[in-house]
Protein backbone atom coordinates (compact mmCIF):
# COMPACT_ATOMS: atom_id res chain seq x y z
CA UNK A 1 3.95 -155.42 -22.49
CA UNK A 2 2.48 -158.84 -23.15
CA UNK A 3 -0.34 -159.27 -25.62
CA UNK A 4 -3.66 -160.33 -24.20
CA UNK A 5 -7.29 -160.70 -25.28
CA UNK A 6 -9.00 -157.57 -23.95
CA UNK A 7 -12.49 -159.01 -24.54
CA UNK A 8 -11.67 -162.15 -22.56
CA UNK A 9 -10.17 -160.03 -19.81
CA UNK A 10 -13.27 -157.82 -19.73
CA UNK A 11 -15.50 -160.88 -19.46
CA UNK A 12 -13.31 -162.40 -16.73
CA UNK A 13 -13.36 -159.24 -14.59
CA UNK A 14 -16.86 -157.95 -15.33
CA UNK A 15 -18.44 -158.88 -11.98
CA UNK A 16 -15.24 -158.86 -9.88
CA UNK A 17 -14.45 -156.60 -6.96
CA UNK A 18 -12.06 -153.64 -7.30
CA UNK A 19 -9.47 -155.60 -5.26
CA UNK A 20 -9.48 -158.51 -7.73
CA UNK A 21 -9.34 -156.15 -10.73
CA UNK A 22 -6.40 -154.27 -9.19
CA UNK A 23 -4.61 -157.53 -8.40
CA UNK A 24 -5.01 -158.63 -12.02
CA UNK A 25 -3.71 -155.29 -13.34
CA UNK A 26 -0.65 -155.53 -11.08
CA UNK A 27 -0.02 -159.07 -12.34
CA UNK A 28 -0.34 -158.08 -16.00
CA UNK A 29 1.70 -154.88 -16.01
CA UNK A 30 5.18 -154.30 -14.58
CA UNK A 31 5.10 -150.53 -14.87
CA UNK A 32 1.88 -149.29 -13.28
CA UNK A 33 0.94 -146.14 -11.36
CA UNK A 34 -2.22 -144.79 -9.78
CA UNK A 35 -3.55 -141.31 -10.45
CA UNK A 36 -4.83 -139.40 -7.45
CA UNK A 37 -7.40 -136.72 -8.21
CA UNK A 38 -9.63 -136.74 -5.15
CA UNK A 39 -10.59 -138.28 -1.83
CA UNK A 40 -12.29 -141.30 -3.41
CA UNK A 41 -8.94 -142.44 -4.84
CA UNK A 42 -7.43 -142.93 -1.38
CA UNK A 43 -9.17 -146.32 -1.04
CA UNK A 44 -7.64 -147.54 -4.31
CA UNK A 45 -4.19 -146.33 -3.25
CA UNK A 46 -4.49 -148.08 0.12
CA UNK A 47 -5.58 -151.29 -1.59
CA UNK A 48 -2.68 -151.13 -4.05
CA UNK A 49 -0.15 -150.49 -1.28
CA UNK A 50 -1.19 -153.70 0.48
CA UNK A 51 -0.39 -155.59 -2.73
CA UNK A 52 2.68 -153.72 -3.96
CA UNK A 53 4.69 -151.55 -1.57
CA UNK A 54 6.50 -149.62 -4.32
CA UNK A 55 3.43 -148.60 -6.34
CA UNK A 56 3.81 -145.13 -7.83
CA UNK A 57 1.12 -142.54 -7.14
CA UNK A 58 0.78 -139.21 -8.90
CA UNK A 59 -1.64 -136.30 -8.63
CA UNK A 60 -3.71 -135.48 -11.67
CA UNK A 61 -4.34 -131.76 -11.26
CA UNK A 62 -7.55 -131.03 -13.16
CA UNK A 63 -7.95 -127.58 -11.59
CA UNK A 64 -11.03 -128.76 -9.71
CA UNK A 65 -9.47 -128.07 -6.30
CA UNK A 66 -8.18 -124.59 -7.03
CA UNK A 67 -10.08 -121.61 -5.73
């Protein structure tokens, strides 16, 4: 992983859209995955797949969906 200034990155992305933030994360990190824990995450996964076809997705089972 490359070193970067987290405060500068935070300032740069503070008012940016989720798409721009995701694009930046994909540019900064070679090994990235998205955690799926509910319906709201589907939008993020869809966005990521348009940018990187081989993005890894995993389910984070918090027990929330069990009966």
